[in-house]
Protein backbone atom coordinates (compact mmCIF):
# COMPACT_ATOMS: atom_id res chain seq x y z
CA MET A 1 92.83 34.92 96.44
CA SER A 2 95.91 36.08 94.53
CA THR A 3 93.68 37.72 91.93
CA ALA A 4 91.88 39.65 94.64
CA ASN A 5 95.17 40.79 96.12
CA GLU A 6 96.41 41.87 92.68
CA THR A 7 93.24 43.86 92.07
CA LYS A 8 93.62 45.50 95.44
CA PHE A 9 97.26 46.36 94.67
CA GLN A 10 96.36 47.86 91.32
CA SER A 11 93.58 49.91 92.88
CA SER A 12 95.92 51.47 95.48
CA VAL A 13 99.16 52.04 93.50
CA LEU A 14 99.76 53.57 90.07
CA LEU A 15 102.91 53.35 87.95
CA LEU A 16 104.35 56.46 86.34
CA THR A 17 106.12 56.36 82.96
CA GLY A 18 109.38 57.98 81.92
CA ILE A 19 110.25 57.64 78.23
CA PRO A 20 109.29 54.12 77.08
CA GLY A 21 112.00 52.19 75.29
CA HIS A 22 114.77 54.37 76.71
CA GLU A 23 114.86 53.12 80.29
CA ASP A 24 118.54 52.20 79.95
CA ILE A 25 119.52 55.84 79.42
CA HIS A 26 117.13 57.40 81.95
CA LEU A 27 120.10 58.45 84.07
CA TRP A 28 121.55 60.41 81.15
CA ILE A 29 118.17 61.89 80.34
CA SER A 30 117.95 63.09 83.95
CA ILE A 31 120.83 65.53 83.32
CA PRO A 32 118.87 67.97 81.09
CA PHE A 33 115.86 67.62 83.39
CA CYS A 34 118.00 68.54 86.41
CA LEU A 35 119.41 71.53 84.50
CA ILE A 36 115.91 72.66 83.53
CA TYR A 37 114.75 72.47 87.13
CA VAL A 38 117.81 74.32 88.45
CA ILE A 39 117.56 77.09 85.84
CA SER A 40 113.80 77.42 86.35
CA VAL A 41 114.00 77.58 90.15
CA VAL A 42 116.90 80.05 90.10
CA GLY A 43 115.29 82.19 87.37
CA ASN A 44 111.92 82.49 89.08
CA SER A 45 113.57 83.06 92.48
CA VAL A 46 115.68 85.89 91.04
CA ILE A 47 112.59 87.51 89.51
CA LEU A 48 110.75 87.36 92.85
CA PHE A 49 113.76 88.68 94.80
CA ILE A 50 114.45 91.60 92.44
CA VAL A 51 110.81 92.69 92.25
CA LYS A 52 110.36 92.42 96.02
CA THR A 53 113.51 94.33 96.98
CA ASP A 54 113.38 97.08 94.34
CA PRO A 55 110.62 99.68 95.02
CA SER A 56 110.90 101.04 91.47
CA LEU A 57 109.55 97.68 90.20
CA HIS A 58 106.44 97.77 92.38
CA GLU A 59 104.31 98.43 89.31
CA PRO A 60 101.34 96.39 88.00
CA MET A 61 103.34 94.73 85.21
CA TYR A 62 106.03 93.46 87.58
CA ILE A 63 103.51 92.48 90.25
CA PHE A 64 101.76 90.28 87.67
CA LEU A 65 105.16 88.90 86.66
CA SER A 66 105.76 88.00 90.32
CA MET A 67 102.41 86.17 90.39
CA LEU A 68 103.49 84.23 87.31
CA ALA A 69 106.83 83.37 88.92
CA VAL A 70 105.16 82.13 92.13
CA THR A 71 102.79 79.94 90.11
CA ASP A 72 105.64 78.45 88.08
CA PHE A 73 107.75 77.93 91.21
CA VAL A 74 105.02 75.98 93.02
CA LEU A 75 104.37 73.92 89.88
CA LEU A 76 108.05 72.94 89.78
CA ILE A 77 107.94 71.85 93.42
CA ALA A 78 104.77 69.80 92.81
CA THR A 79 106.26 67.81 89.91
CA LEU A 80 109.95 67.57 90.82
CA PRO A 81 109.71 64.47 93.12
CA THR A 82 108.01 62.20 90.58
CA ILE A 83 109.87 63.29 87.42
CA LEU A 84 113.36 63.18 88.92
CA GLY A 85 112.40 60.10 90.97
CA ILE A 86 111.82 58.16 87.75
CA PHE A 87 114.89 59.33 85.83
CA LEU A 88 117.35 59.27 88.72
CA PHE A 89 116.15 56.33 90.83
CA ASN A 90 113.67 54.48 88.56
CA PHE A 91 111.03 54.97 91.27
CA ARG A 92 107.73 54.62 89.41
CA GLU A 93 105.16 53.85 92.09
CA ILE A 94 102.79 56.50 93.39
CA SER A 95 99.83 55.98 95.71
CA LEU A 96 96.36 57.05 94.62
CA ASN A 97 96.11 59.76 97.26
CA ALA A 98 99.50 61.22 96.33
CA CYS A 99 98.49 61.08 92.65
CA PHE A 100 95.20 62.86 93.36
CA ALA A 101 97.04 65.55 95.34
CA GLN A 102 99.57 66.08 92.55
CA LEU A 103 96.98 66.33 89.78
CA PHE A 104 95.00 68.82 91.89
CA PHE A 105 98.04 71.09 92.19
CA ILE A 106 98.96 70.72 88.51
CA HIS A 107 95.46 71.53 87.22
CA SER A 108 94.76 74.33 89.70
CA LEU A 109 98.14 75.98 89.04
CA ALA A 110 97.66 75.68 85.27
CA LYS A 111 94.33 77.47 85.56
CA ILE A 112 95.84 80.13 87.84
CA GLU A 113 98.66 80.69 85.34
CA SER A 114 96.13 81.10 82.54
CA SER A 115 94.36 83.73 84.67
CA VAL A 116 97.63 85.56 85.38
CA LEU A 117 98.36 85.69 81.64
CA LEU A 118 94.89 87.22 81.17
CA LEU A 119 95.66 89.85 83.84
CA MET A 120 98.94 90.64 82.09
CA ALA A 121 97.06 91.09 78.80
CA PHE A 122 94.66 93.45 80.59
CA ASP A 123 97.68 95.33 81.95
CA ARG A 124 99.10 95.80 78.43
CA PHE A 125 95.65 96.81 77.14
CA ILE A 126 95.27 99.57 79.75
CA ALA A 127 98.89 100.74 79.37
CA ILE A 128 98.55 101.18 75.59
CA CYS A 129 94.88 102.03 75.08
CA ASN A 130 94.28 104.17 78.17
CA PRO A 131 97.68 105.19 79.58
CA LEU A 132 96.43 108.27 81.45
CA ARG A 133 94.22 106.12 83.71
CA TYR A 134 96.72 103.28 84.06
CA THR A 135 97.65 103.89 87.70
CA SER A 136 94.10 104.77 88.74
CA ILE A 137 92.65 101.56 87.23
CA LEU A 138 95.35 99.09 88.29
CA THR A 139 95.67 100.07 91.94
CA PRO A 140 97.39 97.69 94.41
CA VAL A 141 94.05 96.92 96.09
CA ARG A 142 92.39 96.08 92.78
CA ILE A 143 95.34 93.93 91.70
CA THR A 144 95.17 92.01 95.00
CA LYS A 145 91.45 91.41 94.61
CA LEU A 146 91.79 90.24 91.01
CA GLY A 147 94.63 87.90 91.94
CA LEU A 148 92.65 86.44 94.85
CA VAL A 149 89.56 85.91 92.69
CA PHE A 150 91.51 84.02 90.04
CA VAL A 151 93.36 81.91 92.62
CA LEU A 152 90.04 80.92 94.16
CA ARG A 153 88.66 80.17 90.70
CA GLY A 154 91.58 77.88 89.90
CA VAL A 155 91.27 76.02 93.21
CA ALA A 156 87.48 75.73 93.01
CA VAL A 157 87.54 74.44 89.42
CA ALA A 158 90.29 71.87 90.06
CA LEU A 159 89.02 70.61 93.44
CA PRO A 160 86.30 68.32 91.98
CA PHE A 161 88.92 66.41 89.94
CA PRO A 162 90.36 64.35 92.84
CA LEU A 163 86.93 64.10 94.48
CA LEU A 164 85.40 62.60 91.33
CA LEU A 165 88.34 60.25 90.75
CA LYS A 166 88.32 59.07 94.36
CA ARG A 167 84.89 57.47 93.87
CA TYR A 168 86.13 55.01 91.25
CA ARG A 169 87.81 51.62 91.46
CA TYR A 170 91.03 51.20 89.48
CA CYS A 171 91.23 47.56 88.44
CA ARG A 172 92.61 47.95 84.90
CA ALA A 173 96.25 48.33 83.92
CA ASN A 174 97.69 50.79 86.41
CA VAL A 175 100.32 52.40 84.15
CA LEU A 176 100.05 56.15 83.51
CA SER A 177 101.28 57.88 80.36
CA HIS A 178 103.44 60.52 82.06
CA SER A 179 105.92 61.03 84.88
CA TYR A 180 103.23 62.88 86.82
CA CYS A 181 99.46 62.63 87.31
CA LEU A 182 96.90 64.32 85.07
CA HIS A 183 93.13 64.04 85.38
CA GLN A 184 92.62 62.97 81.76
CA ASP A 185 95.27 60.28 82.19
CA VAL A 186 94.11 58.83 85.53
CA MET A 187 90.40 58.69 84.70
CA LYS A 188 91.07 56.28 81.78
CA LEU A 189 92.22 53.65 84.29
CA ALA A 190 88.90 53.55 86.14
CA CYS A 191 86.57 50.56 85.79
CA SER A 192 83.43 52.71 86.17
CA ASP A 193 81.61 55.02 83.79
CA ILE A 194 83.67 58.23 83.53
CA GLY A 195 81.17 60.27 81.52
CA VAL A 196 80.86 62.84 84.32
CA ASN A 197 84.62 63.38 84.30
CA TYR A 198 84.68 63.88 80.53
CA ILE A 199 81.87 66.45 80.72
CA TYR A 200 83.34 68.28 83.70
CA GLY A 201 86.82 68.26 82.17
CA MET A 202 85.45 69.79 78.96
CA PHE A 203 83.49 72.38 80.96
CA THR A 204 86.51 73.46 83.01
CA THR A 205 88.67 73.73 79.89
CA LEU A 206 86.14 76.01 78.20
CA PHE A 207 85.44 77.97 81.38
CA THR A 208 89.10 78.68 82.14
CA PHE A 209 91.46 78.25 79.18
CA GLY A 210 88.75 78.96 76.63
CA LEU A 211 87.50 82.20 78.21
CA ASP A 212 90.97 83.40 79.17
CA SER A 213 92.41 82.85 75.69
CA LEU A 214 89.36 84.56 74.12
CA PHE A 215 89.78 87.65 76.31
CA ILE A 216 93.53 87.71 75.66
CA PHE A 217 92.83 87.61 71.92
CA LEU A 218 90.28 90.44 72.21
CA SER A 219 92.74 92.49 74.26
CA TYR A 220 95.32 92.23 71.51
CA VAL A 221 92.77 93.09 68.86
CA MET A 222 92.07 96.33 70.74
CA ILE A 223 95.80 96.92 71.29
CA LEU A 224 96.53 96.43 67.59
CA LYS A 225 93.67 98.77 66.66
CA THR A 226 95.05 101.46 68.97
CA VAL A 227 98.64 101.01 67.81
CA LEU A 228 97.68 101.22 64.12
CA SER A 229 95.96 104.53 64.80
CA ILE A 230 99.21 106.06 66.09
CA ALA A 231 100.73 108.29 63.42
CA SER A 232 104.36 107.75 64.42
CA HIS A 233 105.82 104.47 63.19
CA THR A 234 108.47 104.56 65.93
CA GLU A 235 105.87 104.96 68.66
CA SER A 236 103.83 102.08 67.21
CA LEU A 237 106.83 99.74 67.29
CA ARG A 238 107.71 100.87 70.81
CA ALA A 239 104.18 100.11 72.04
CA LEU A 240 104.13 96.68 70.38
CA ASN A 241 107.57 95.89 71.76
CA THR A 242 106.19 96.06 75.31
CA CYS A 243 103.87 93.14 74.43
CA VAL A 244 106.47 90.77 72.95
CA SER A 245 107.44 89.07 76.22
CA HIS A 246 103.80 88.55 77.18
CA LEU A 247 102.96 87.11 73.75
CA CYS A 248 105.87 84.68 74.11
CA ALA A 249 104.57 83.61 77.54
CA VAL A 250 101.07 83.08 76.11
CA LEU A 251 102.34 80.96 73.20
CA VAL A 252 104.67 78.89 75.42
CA PHE A 253 101.76 78.16 77.76
CA TYR A 254 98.82 77.60 75.41
CA LEU A 255 100.36 75.77 72.44
CA PRO A 256 101.63 72.73 74.42
CA ASN A 257 98.40 72.79 76.42
CA VAL A 258 96.27 72.52 73.29
CA GLY A 259 98.58 69.92 71.75
CA LEU A 260 98.50 67.75 74.87
CA ALA A 261 94.70 67.95 75.10
CA VAL A 262 94.32 66.95 71.43
CA THR A 263 96.71 63.98 71.70
CA HIS A 264 94.99 62.77 74.87
CA ARG A 265 91.54 62.84 73.27
CA PHE A 266 92.27 61.85 69.68
CA GLY A 267 95.79 60.40 69.74
CA SER A 268 96.54 56.80 68.75
CA SER A 269 99.20 54.41 70.00
CA SER A 270 101.62 55.75 67.38
CA SER A 271 101.41 59.24 68.91
CA HIS A 272 102.24 58.04 72.44
CA LEU A 273 105.82 59.34 72.35
CA LEU A 274 104.60 62.70 71.03
CA GLN A 275 102.09 62.81 73.88
CA ILE A 276 104.86 62.19 76.43
CA LEU A 277 107.14 64.86 74.94
CA LEU A 278 104.29 67.38 74.79
CA GLY A 279 103.59 66.59 78.43
CA TYR A 280 107.12 67.61 79.41
CA VAL A 281 106.98 70.75 77.25
CA TYR A 282 103.58 71.67 78.74
CA LEU A 283 104.91 71.31 82.26
CA LEU A 284 108.50 72.59 82.08
CA ALA A 285 108.62 75.12 79.23
CA PRO A 286 106.70 78.00 80.94
CA PRO A 287 108.75 77.97 84.21
CA LEU A 288 111.95 77.79 82.17
CA MET A 289 111.17 80.35 79.46
CA ASN A 290 109.17 83.03 81.32
CA PRO A 291 112.06 84.35 83.48
CA ILE A 292 114.45 84.24 80.51
CA VAL A 293 112.11 86.07 78.12
CA TYR A 294 111.12 88.76 80.61
CA SER A 295 114.72 89.29 81.77
CA VAL A 296 115.85 89.75 78.17
CA LYS A 297 112.95 91.91 76.95
CA SER A 298 112.36 94.12 80.01
CA LYS A 299 115.06 96.80 80.10
CA HIS A 300 114.32 97.89 83.67
CA LEU A 301 114.24 94.34 85.04
CA ARG A 302 117.41 93.40 83.16
CA ALA A 303 119.22 96.44 84.54
CA ARG A 304 118.20 95.60 88.13
CA ILE A 305 119.33 91.98 87.75
CA ILE A 306 122.70 93.01 86.31
CA ARG A 307 123.15 95.57 89.09
CA ALA A 308 122.34 92.96 91.76
CA PHE A 309 124.86 90.47 90.39
CA VAL A 310 127.53 93.09 89.80
CA LYS A 311 127.28 94.07 93.45
């Protein structure tokens, strides 16, 4: 009878993991996490406020930046309760339904962010390769439609994750590898055959991250080809300089993503700590770095922020 009760408990509650072996200093570790969350929330909120209130920033590049900030902001809200709950209060338990809801938001928002980075690459491609038609191609109506399509794509692709996981029984060890729920982490705890999840997970990765990164790469190939054809060295550097902040955002997003996927599929027990650290970088680095990079590199945005705070 006790075994049955234990199985039932394990199938209804999962345990999140902070940093194994350092539980005694979790409270100290929570300090940098709290700072990261505060800086990220304030940074993305400032970006949204400045772009919304300043009509001179109602341009495609800044509209896409606002989309990126909204995506990062919602991602922070979706992961804050579990991450800070572990490090501040040692609260590790999460119900299956709450876990499924969290992983849906994490995966859908990650795919939406990948799409926004693709739109920003398209924006730079049009601005450099076809500047005379920039405003006629990237109209507000077209930007709205593109944004809506990619949001629906992210939601539609991520929705089967919790639906597939909900069919399984979870009678193995109920300890997750991270402080939040990921599809590739939760599905390993199921007692049933998870071949469908592996195949669908691979398909969604190729269909979203794979296609988006390919088109971003092709966009920069065309941008580089156009820039190299410009006779003036100064003009070439000026054109490339407008892409630096976007390239930083792409690298900050995709490199931890690829590293986390590789460690989840091919990592051994010795790489468990690396997997955990990559998980935090994958989740927290883009919301933290994107506002900082764009505020530093964008002269117009930086001037508006300084003016707002000086007032």
